[in-house]
Every structure is written in C-alpha cells, then in structure tokens.
Amino acid sequence: MAAAMCGGAAMKEYQIKLEGYRLPDAVYHQCIWTVRDIERARDLCIEYLAEDRGAEEAPGQVVSAAARLDAVACALCSVPGEYRQGVLESTMRRGGGFRDHAHENTWKRWKQRFIYRLAEELELV
C-alpha cells in the first residue's frame, strides 16, 4: 500500500512460462511462503526435540512443520547439486542466490521446477 502511494511498485513473485511446470497462482505463492518459512519451522522442530518429552506425541504444529521441511528437502533433491543453494536462497529472499556460473534463465528454470516439485510433495497439485 505504501509503495503504491509513493509511486513505487511492490515487488512480486512471477512464474516463468515453463511448459509442464505452471502452477495456479495461489499454489505457487503458497509454495514460496512454505520455503520462506523453513527457518521458523526448523527452529520449532529443534526446540521440540531439545525438550525431554518422553513418549509424548508431538503436537500438530510440530508434525506439520516437520512435514513441510521434509517436502522442501525432497523437492530440493530434484535440483542438480550446483544449483540447490542458489535456488533455495533465491526462493527465500527474492532476487538473491543466483551465482555467476550459469545464465539467469537457467536459474529461473530450476527454481520453477523446484517450486513445482514442492507443490507435488505438499500434494497441492
């Protein structure tokens, strides 16, 4: 809102037109925010595991966080090793993470495939 009032445009996440990897906008953005939330999810799981709870069943919030972390890890495995860190960083912080060893379009294609695979892992498509 403030950006619009100041004449600037808010930054948006856009999918590239990669045949076979296009998602509905709502699913795409849900996947982006799942990745952006992995640090909080990881901290939640670590905090739960650090406490000695015996045989107590994990709360739903922790189970859900662990499932999201697992989905992100599985989706990331579908990206070649040399692109994984950059794709993850680019997704977590829009515009960051791309390295010099490949063209920007290559990075965008791998990011799109990663997001699509994450949607499959989360059973959103």
C-alpha atoms as a PDB file:
ATOM      1  CA  MET A   1       0.000   0.000   0.000  1.00  0.00           C
ATOM      2  CA  ALA A   2       2.737   2.435   0.954  1.00  0.00           C
ATOM      3  CA  ALA A   3       4.703   1.625  -2.208  1.00  0.00           C
ATOM      4  CA  ALA A   4       1.662   2.411  -4.332  1.00  0.00           C
ATOM      5  CA  MET A   5       1.147   5.713  -2.548  1.00  0.00           C
ATOM      6  CA  CYS A   6       4.794   6.704  -3.036  1.00  0.00           C
ATOM      7  CA  GLY A   7       4.665   5.920  -6.727  1.00  0.00           C
ATOM      8  CA  GLY A   8       6.814   2.774  -6.416  1.00  0.00           C
ATOM      9  CA  ALA A   9       5.705  -0.710  -7.294  1.00  0.00           C
ATOM     10  CA  ALA A  10       5.687  -3.572  -4.833  1.00  0.00           C
ATOM     11  CA  MET A  11       7.915  -6.496  -5.818  1.00  0.00           C
ATOM     12  CA  LYS A  12       6.013  -9.590  -6.900  1.00  0.00           C
ATOM     13  CA  GLU A  13       6.890 -13.194  -7.451  1.00  0.00           C
ATOM     14  CA  TYR A  14       6.299 -14.293 -11.019  1.00  0.00           C
ATOM     15  CA  GLN A  15       6.351 -17.745 -12.519  1.00  0.00           C
ATOM     16  CA  ILE A  16       8.211 -18.193 -15.749  1.00  0.00           C
ATOM     17  CA  LYS A  17       6.363 -19.794 -18.641  1.00  0.00           C
ATOM     18  CA  LEU A  18       7.947 -23.234 -18.456  1.00  0.00           C
ATOM     19  CA  GLU A  19       5.790 -25.822 -20.166  1.00  0.00           C
ATOM     20  CA  GLY A  20       4.603 -28.518 -17.788  1.00  0.00           C
ATOM     21  CA  TYR A  21       5.646 -26.608 -14.670  1.00  0.00           C
ATOM     22  CA  ARG A  22       2.994 -23.887 -14.457  1.00  0.00           C
ATOM     23  CA  LEU A  23       1.016 -23.737 -11.196  1.00  0.00           C
ATOM     24  CA  PRO A  24      -2.114 -21.852 -10.198  1.00  0.00           C
ATOM     25  CA  ASP A  25      -1.003 -18.546  -8.653  1.00  0.00           C
ATOM     26  CA  ALA A  26      -2.364 -19.421  -5.199  1.00  0.00           C
ATOM     27  CA  VAL A  27      -0.439 -22.734  -5.148  1.00  0.00           C
ATOM     28  CA  TYR A  28       2.728 -21.052  -6.421  1.00  0.00           C
ATOM     29  CA  HIS A  29       2.623 -18.403  -3.686  1.00  0.00           C
ATOM     30  CA  GLN A  30       1.801 -20.997  -1.023  1.00  0.00           C
ATOM     31  CA  CYS A  31       4.951 -22.901  -2.028  1.00  0.00           C
ATOM     32  CA  ILE A  32       7.061 -19.729  -2.000  1.00  0.00           C
ATOM     33  CA  TRP A  33       5.911 -18.945   1.541  1.00  0.00           C
ATOM     34  CA  THR A  34       6.467 -22.540   2.649  1.00  0.00           C
ATOM     35  CA  VAL A  35      10.118 -22.143   1.636  1.00  0.00           C
ATOM     36  CA  ARG A  36      10.377 -18.711   3.262  1.00  0.00           C
ATOM     37  CA  ASP A  37       9.062 -20.226   6.487  1.00  0.00           C
ATOM     38  CA  ILE A  38      11.571 -23.096   6.718  1.00  0.00           C
ATOM     39  CA  GLU A  39      13.825 -21.376   9.250  1.00  0.00           C
ATOM     40  CA  ARG A  40      10.905 -20.923  11.655  1.00  0.00           C
ATOM     41  CA  ALA A  41       9.752 -24.496  11.028  1.00  0.00           C
ATOM     42  CA  ARG A  42      13.274 -25.803  11.646  1.00  0.00           C
ATOM     43  CA  ASP A  43      13.548 -23.814  14.888  1.00  0.00           C
ATOM     44  CA  LEU A  44      10.176 -25.162  16.033  1.00  0.00           C
ATOM     45  CA  CYS A  45      11.279 -28.757  15.436  1.00  0.00           C
ATOM     46  CA  ILE A  46      14.667 -28.224  17.094  1.00  0.00           C
ATOM     47  CA  GLU A  47      13.033 -26.615  20.129  1.00  0.00           C
ATOM     48  CA  TYR A  48      10.600 -29.514  20.449  1.00  0.00           C
ATOM     49  CA  LEU A  49      13.346 -32.136  20.125  1.00  0.00           C
ATOM     50  CA  ALA A  50      15.552 -30.328  22.663  1.00  0.00           C
ATOM     51  CA  GLU A  51      12.912 -30.759  25.353  1.00  0.00           C
ATOM     52  CA  ASP A  52      12.723 -34.185  27.003  1.00  0.00           C
ATOM     53  CA  ARG A  53       9.097 -35.197  26.486  1.00  0.00           C
ATOM     54  CA  GLY A  54       9.423 -38.972  26.777  1.00  0.00           C
ATOM     55  CA  ALA A  55       6.841 -40.876  24.726  1.00  0.00           C
ATOM     56  CA  GLU A  56       4.545 -37.868  24.397  1.00  0.00           C
ATOM     57  CA  GLU A  57       3.134 -37.427  20.899  1.00  0.00           C
ATOM     58  CA  ALA A  58       4.341 -34.341  19.042  1.00  0.00           C
ATOM     59  CA  PRO A  59       1.813 -31.500  18.738  1.00  0.00           C
ATOM     60  CA  GLY A  60       0.215 -30.995  15.322  1.00  0.00           C
ATOM     61  CA  GLN A  61       2.162 -27.786  14.735  1.00  0.00           C
ATOM     62  CA  VAL A  62       5.477 -29.634  15.086  1.00  0.00           C
ATOM     63  CA  VAL A  63       4.312 -32.540  12.914  1.00  0.00           C
ATOM     64  CA  SER A  64       3.182 -30.086  10.235  1.00  0.00           C
ATOM     65  CA  ALA A  65       6.479 -28.170  10.385  1.00  0.00           C
ATOM     66  CA  ALA A  66       8.456 -31.403  10.054  1.00  0.00           C
ATOM     67  CA  ALA A  67       6.347 -32.461   7.054  1.00  0.00           C
ATOM     68  CA  ARG A  68       6.969 -29.110   5.345  1.00  0.00           C
ATOM     69  CA  LEU A  69      10.716 -29.367   5.996  1.00  0.00           C
ATOM     70  CA  ASP A  70      10.719 -32.872   4.534  1.00  0.00           C
ATOM     71  CA  ALA A  71       8.781 -31.697   1.458  1.00  0.00           C
ATOM     72  CA  VAL A  72      11.251 -28.857   0.849  1.00  0.00           C
ATOM     73  CA  ALA A  73      14.202 -31.241   1.223  1.00  0.00           C
ATOM     74  CA  CYS A  74      12.661 -33.760  -1.201  1.00  0.00           C
ATOM     75  CA  ALA A  75      11.854 -31.052  -3.749  1.00  0.00           C
ATOM     76  CA  LEU A  76      15.368 -29.663  -3.457  1.00  0.00           C
ATOM     77  CA  CYS A  77      16.784 -33.104  -4.305  1.00  0.00           C
ATOM     78  CA  SER A  78      15.218 -32.756  -7.758  1.00  0.00           C
ATOM     79  CA  VAL A  79      17.549 -29.792  -8.457  1.00  0.00           C
ATOM     80  CA  PRO A  80      21.147 -30.502  -9.551  1.00  0.00           C
ATOM     81  CA  GLY A  81      23.628 -30.041  -6.704  1.00  0.00           C
ATOM     82  CA  GLU A  82      25.360 -26.976  -8.146  1.00  0.00           C
ATOM     83  CA  TYR A  83      22.044 -25.090  -8.245  1.00  0.00           C
ATOM     84  CA  ARG A  84      20.448 -26.160  -4.933  1.00  0.00           C
ATOM     85  CA  GLN A  85      21.811 -23.483  -2.618  1.00  0.00           C
ATOM     86  CA  GLY A  86      21.219 -20.687  -5.118  1.00  0.00           C
ATOM     87  CA  VAL A  87      17.664 -21.830  -5.877  1.00  0.00           C
ATOM     88  CA  LEU A  88      16.878 -22.088  -2.170  1.00  0.00           C
ATOM     89  CA  GLU A  89      18.348 -18.644  -1.432  1.00  0.00           C
ATOM     90  CA  SER A  90      16.556 -17.102  -4.396  1.00  0.00           C
ATOM     91  CA  THR A  91      13.251 -18.512  -3.199  1.00  0.00           C
ATOM     92  CA  MET A  92      13.784 -17.450   0.406  1.00  0.00           C
ATOM     93  CA  ARG A  93      14.924 -13.933  -0.487  1.00  0.00           C
ATOM     94  CA  ARG A  94      13.545 -12.752  -3.777  1.00  0.00           C
ATOM     95  CA  GLY A  95      16.282 -11.830  -6.206  1.00  0.00           C
ATOM     96  CA  GLY A  96      19.173 -13.334  -4.282  1.00  0.00           C
ATOM     97  CA  GLY A  97      21.109 -16.537  -4.569  1.00  0.00           C
ATOM     98  CA  PHE A  98      21.935 -16.685  -8.275  1.00  0.00           C
ATOM     99  CA  ARG A  99      25.590 -17.403  -8.943  1.00  0.00           C
ATOM    100  CA  ASP A 100      27.724 -16.469 -11.941  1.00  0.00           C
ATOM    101  CA  HIS A 101      28.337 -19.972 -13.298  1.00  0.00           C
ATOM    102  CA  ALA A 102      25.016 -20.168 -15.187  1.00  0.00           C
ATOM    103  CA  HIS A 103      22.740 -17.838 -17.099  1.00  0.00           C
ATOM    104  CA  GLU A 104      19.904 -16.205 -15.165  1.00  0.00           C
ATOM    105  CA  ASN A 105      17.323 -18.105 -17.238  1.00  0.00           C
ATOM    106  CA  THR A 106      18.885 -21.413 -16.171  1.00  0.00           C
ATOM    107  CA  TRP A 107      18.475 -20.400 -12.534  1.00  0.00           C
ATOM    108  CA  LYS A 108      14.865 -19.385 -13.132  1.00  0.00           C
ATOM    109  CA  ARG A 109      14.060 -22.713 -14.807  1.00  0.00           C
ATOM    110  CA  TRP A 110      15.479 -24.685 -11.893  1.00  0.00           C
ATOM    111  CA  LYS A 111      13.638 -22.501  -9.413  1.00  0.00           C
ATOM    112  CA  GLN A 112      10.371 -23.098 -11.296  1.00  0.00           C
ATOM    113  CA  ARG A 113      10.966 -26.867 -11.326  1.00  0.00           C
ATOM    114  CA  PHE A 114      11.789 -26.799  -7.607  1.00  0.00           C
ATOM    115  CA  ILE A 115       8.574 -24.932  -6.767  1.00  0.00           C
ATOM    116  CA  TYR A 116       6.531 -27.306  -8.927  1.00  0.00           C
ATOM    117  CA  ARG A 117       8.112 -30.347  -7.259  1.00  0.00           C
ATOM    118  CA  LEU A 118       7.389 -28.801  -3.844  1.00  0.00           C
ATOM    119  CA  ALA A 119       3.732 -28.394  -4.819  1.00  0.00           C
ATOM    120  CA  GLU A 120       3.686 -32.098  -5.687  1.00  0.00           C
ATOM    121  CA  GLU A 121       5.352 -33.019  -2.374  1.00  0.00           C
ATOM    122  CA  LEU A 122       2.794 -30.922  -0.474  1.00  0.00           C
ATOM    123  CA  GLU A 123       0.023 -32.576  -2.539  1.00  0.00           C
ATOM    124  CA  LEU A 124      -1.229 -29.221  -3.830  1.00  0.00           C
ATOM    125  CA  VAL A 125      -1.355 -30.413  -7.465  1.00  0.00           C
END
